[in-house]
Amino acid sequence: MGGLIALIGGEEFSPGFEDVHKYILTLTGKDRPHLVFFPTAVASEGSEAVKKWANLAVNHFSSLGATVDVAFVIDKTSANETEFVHMIERAEIVYLGGGLPQVYIEILYNSKVWDAIVKSHRSGMVLAGASAGAMLLGQKTLVAEFPGDYPPSHWVDGFNVLPNVGIAPHYNTFPKEWILKVKNNLPINTML
């Protein structure tokens, strides 16, 4: 069957998410669970953005009682490094942070790191995703069809951890017209 999946719409380090994250940590059954955070989806924004999100994750999850490692998977080369594969193999939780889902797809598709995530999740590891990290897990994910296409409105194949599902985070912050547009463009046999 595999481990549990936690989907978070976004703004994962905003005030108020402490209780959500504490609950996710309890799903492991460990007193001090080992969490691996991925800032991959902000890799296209540069090293400062990656460091910023990594630091936020370490500070946030450490304060809640987790042991935190950051998987600095920022390109195809690092997505195939054994260091990160071993990090995942030791984790009770893998947390895919926010950013751009297409960056996750470009970097993680057909990688050793993604294979390790799938294998560990099937063995019981908790898989959590926020914003782009959640979107990636569906059969379909929203991406920008062209520069300036915001909020994104084009569906592409996700990593299909959740078959027949398309994930649209931040839906409560966008106009209702956007929700209708993405819902109407969602391929048949997939639910939003």
Protein backbone atom coordinates (compact mmCIF):
# COMPACT_ATOMS: atom_id res chain seq x y z
CA MET A 1 0.00 0.00 0.00
CA GLY A 2 2.74 2.48 0.84
CA GLY A 3 3.09 5.38 3.23
CA LEU A 4 0.73 8.22 3.84
CA ILE A 5 0.59 11.31 1.63
CA ALA A 6 0.11 14.85 2.95
CA LEU A 7 -0.92 17.59 0.50
CA ILE A 8 -0.58 21.24 1.50
CA GLY A 9 -1.95 23.98 -0.73
CA GLY A 10 0.95 26.34 -0.14
CA GLU A 11 2.39 29.01 2.15
CA GLU A 12 3.72 26.11 4.20
CA PHE A 13 5.90 28.19 6.51
CA SER A 14 3.26 30.80 7.27
CA PRO A 15 1.99 31.16 10.84
CA GLY A 16 -0.67 28.58 11.60
CA PHE A 17 0.94 25.60 9.88
CA GLU A 18 2.73 24.43 13.01
CA ASP A 19 -0.18 22.19 14.03
CA VAL A 20 -0.44 20.72 10.52
CA HIS A 21 3.26 19.96 10.45
CA LYS A 22 3.27 18.57 14.00
CA TYR A 23 0.52 16.19 12.93
CA ILE A 24 2.49 15.10 9.85
CA LEU A 25 5.48 14.39 12.10
CA THR A 26 3.31 12.20 14.37
CA LEU A 27 2.31 10.06 11.37
CA THR A 28 5.75 8.44 11.51
CA GLY A 29 5.27 7.09 15.03
CA LYS A 30 8.78 8.36 15.90
CA ASP A 31 9.67 10.74 18.73
CA ARG A 32 12.15 12.62 16.56
CA PRO A 33 11.40 11.74 12.92
CA HIS A 34 13.98 12.22 10.19
CA LEU A 35 12.63 14.61 7.54
CA VAL A 36 14.30 15.36 4.21
CA PHE A 37 13.26 18.67 2.66
CA PHE A 38 13.52 19.41 -1.07
CA PRO A 39 13.88 23.07 -2.16
CA THR A 40 14.15 21.84 -5.76
CA ALA A 41 11.16 23.76 -7.13
CA VAL A 42 12.93 27.11 -6.52
CA ALA A 43 16.18 26.05 -8.20
CA SER A 44 15.42 28.23 -11.23
CA GLU A 45 15.38 31.29 -8.92
CA GLY A 46 19.05 30.80 -7.98
CA SER A 47 21.13 29.67 -5.04
CA GLU A 48 19.91 32.40 -2.66
CA ALA A 49 16.31 31.25 -3.05
CA VAL A 50 17.34 27.63 -2.51
CA LYS A 51 19.27 28.57 0.66
CA LYS A 52 16.39 30.70 1.94
CA TRP A 53 13.85 27.86 1.63
CA ALA A 54 16.32 25.33 3.01
CA ASN A 55 16.93 27.50 6.09
CA LEU A 56 13.21 28.07 6.60
CA ALA A 57 12.60 24.31 6.49
CA VAL A 58 15.44 23.42 8.85
CA ASN A 59 14.43 26.05 11.41
CA HIS A 60 10.71 25.28 11.17
CA PHE A 61 10.81 21.48 11.31
CA SER A 62 13.64 21.36 13.86
CA SER A 63 11.60 23.57 16.19
CA LEU A 64 8.77 21.02 15.90
CA GLY A 65 11.00 18.11 16.89
CA ALA A 66 12.25 16.67 13.60
CA THR A 67 15.79 15.88 12.55
CA VAL A 68 16.08 17.72 9.23
CA ASP A 69 18.28 17.21 6.21
CA VAL A 70 18.05 19.24 3.03
CA ALA A 71 18.41 17.50 -0.31
CA PHE A 72 20.02 20.16 -2.47
CA VAL A 73 18.74 18.59 -5.67
CA ILE A 74 18.95 21.55 -8.03
CA ASP A 75 19.74 20.00 -11.42
CA LYS A 76 19.79 16.67 -13.28
CA THR A 77 23.27 15.86 -11.97
CA SER A 78 22.34 16.26 -8.31
CA ALA A 79 19.10 14.34 -8.95
CA ASN A 80 21.26 11.27 -9.56
CA GLU A 81 23.73 11.62 -6.67
CA THR A 82 23.91 8.69 -4.27
CA GLU A 83 24.29 11.07 -1.30
CA PHE A 84 20.67 12.17 -1.76
CA VAL A 85 19.44 8.65 -2.49
CA HIS A 86 20.92 7.48 0.84
CA MET A 87 19.40 10.49 2.60
CA ILE A 88 15.95 9.47 1.32
CA GLU A 89 16.47 5.83 2.29
CA ARG A 90 17.02 6.92 5.93
CA ALA A 91 14.04 9.33 6.05
CA GLU A 92 10.66 8.84 7.70
CA ILE A 93 9.31 11.87 5.80
CA VAL A 94 10.19 13.42 2.45
CA TYR A 95 8.82 16.95 2.14
CA LEU A 96 8.65 18.49 -1.34
CA GLY A 97 8.58 22.26 -0.95
CA GLY A 98 6.87 24.89 -3.07
CA GLY A 99 7.98 26.77 -6.17
CA LEU A 100 7.40 25.82 -9.79
CA PRO A 101 6.15 22.29 -10.55
CA GLN A 102 7.80 22.27 -13.97
CA VAL A 103 11.19 22.65 -12.25
CA TYR A 104 10.50 19.48 -10.25
CA ILE A 105 9.49 17.71 -13.46
CA GLU A 106 12.58 18.86 -15.37
CA ILE A 107 14.96 17.87 -12.56
CA LEU A 108 13.43 14.76 -11.00
CA TYR A 109 11.94 12.97 -14.01
CA ASN A 110 13.74 9.63 -14.61
CA SER A 111 16.19 10.29 -11.76
CA LYS A 112 17.68 8.07 -9.07
CA VAL A 113 16.37 10.47 -6.43
CA TRP A 114 12.77 10.17 -7.63
CA ASP A 115 13.11 6.39 -7.85
CA ALA A 116 14.34 6.39 -4.23
CA ILE A 117 11.39 8.54 -3.14
CA VAL A 118 8.91 6.18 -4.81
CA LYS A 119 10.59 3.09 -3.35
CA SER A 120 10.75 4.57 0.17
CA HIS A 121 7.13 5.74 0.00
CA ARG A 122 6.02 2.25 -1.03
CA SER A 123 7.90 0.95 2.02
CA GLY A 124 5.97 3.26 4.37
CA MET A 125 7.72 6.64 4.30
CA VAL A 126 5.40 9.66 4.61
CA LEU A 127 5.42 11.79 1.45
CA ALA A 128 4.43 15.43 1.92
CA GLY A 129 4.14 18.09 -0.74
CA ALA A 130 3.32 21.78 -0.52
CA SER A 131 2.19 23.87 -3.49
CA ALA A 132 4.41 22.69 -6.39
CA GLY A 133 5.44 19.69 -4.30
CA ALA A 134 1.79 18.69 -3.95
CA MET A 135 1.01 19.41 -7.60
CA LEU A 136 3.79 17.11 -8.75
CA LEU A 137 2.14 14.12 -7.06
CA GLY A 138 -0.99 14.10 -9.20
CA GLN A 139 -1.44 12.42 -12.53
CA LYS A 140 -1.77 15.91 -13.94
CA THR A 141 -0.12 19.12 -12.78
CA LEU A 142 -0.65 22.76 -13.70
CA VAL A 143 2.16 24.72 -15.32
CA ALA A 144 2.47 28.07 -17.07
CA GLU A 145 1.76 27.61 -20.77
CA PHE A 146 3.69 30.78 -21.63
CA PRO A 147 5.62 33.47 -19.70
CA GLY A 148 3.21 35.51 -17.63
CA ASP A 149 0.57 32.74 -17.54
CA TYR A 150 -0.30 33.26 -13.90
CA PRO A 151 -2.02 31.66 -12.24
CA PRO A 152 -0.96 28.64 -14.30
CA SER A 153 -3.63 27.08 -16.46
CA HIS A 154 -2.01 24.36 -18.60
CA TRP A 155 -2.20 20.70 -17.52
CA VAL A 156 0.78 18.39 -18.12
CA ASP A 157 1.63 14.93 -16.84
CA GLY A 158 2.62 14.84 -13.19
CA PHE A 159 4.40 11.96 -11.44
CA ASN A 160 1.17 10.00 -10.94
CA VAL A 161 1.60 9.11 -7.28
CA LEU A 162 -2.12 9.92 -7.09
CA PRO A 163 -3.66 8.48 -10.28
CA ASN A 164 -6.65 10.25 -11.81
CA VAL A 165 -5.97 13.40 -9.79
CA GLY A 166 -4.98 16.90 -10.83
CA ILE A 167 -3.86 19.18 -7.99
CA ALA A 168 -4.45 22.95 -8.09
CA PRO A 169 -3.03 24.60 -4.94
CA HIS A 170 -3.71 28.14 -3.78
CA TYR A 171 -7.19 27.78 -5.30
CA ASN A 172 -8.71 29.99 -2.60
CA THR A 173 -6.44 32.90 -3.56
CA PHE A 174 -7.35 32.97 -7.26
CA PRO A 175 -10.54 34.15 -8.97
CA LYS A 176 -13.40 31.70 -9.42
CA GLU A 177 -13.00 32.10 -13.18
CA TRP A 178 -9.54 30.52 -12.90
CA ILE A 179 -10.93 27.55 -10.99
CA LEU A 180 -13.54 26.99 -13.69
CA LYS A 181 -10.92 27.34 -16.44
CA VAL A 182 -8.52 24.79 -14.97
CA LYS A 183 -11.36 22.45 -14.09
CA ASN A 184 -12.75 22.63 -17.64
CA ASN A 185 -9.29 22.04 -19.11
CA LEU A 186 -8.62 19.03 -16.87
CA PRO A 187 -8.42 15.83 -18.92
CA ILE A 188 -11.40 13.49 -18.70
CA ASN A 189 -11.21 10.79 -15.99
CA THR A 190 -9.14 13.05 -13.74
CA MET A 191 -10.56 14.81 -10.69
CA LEU A 192 -9.55 18.17 -9.27
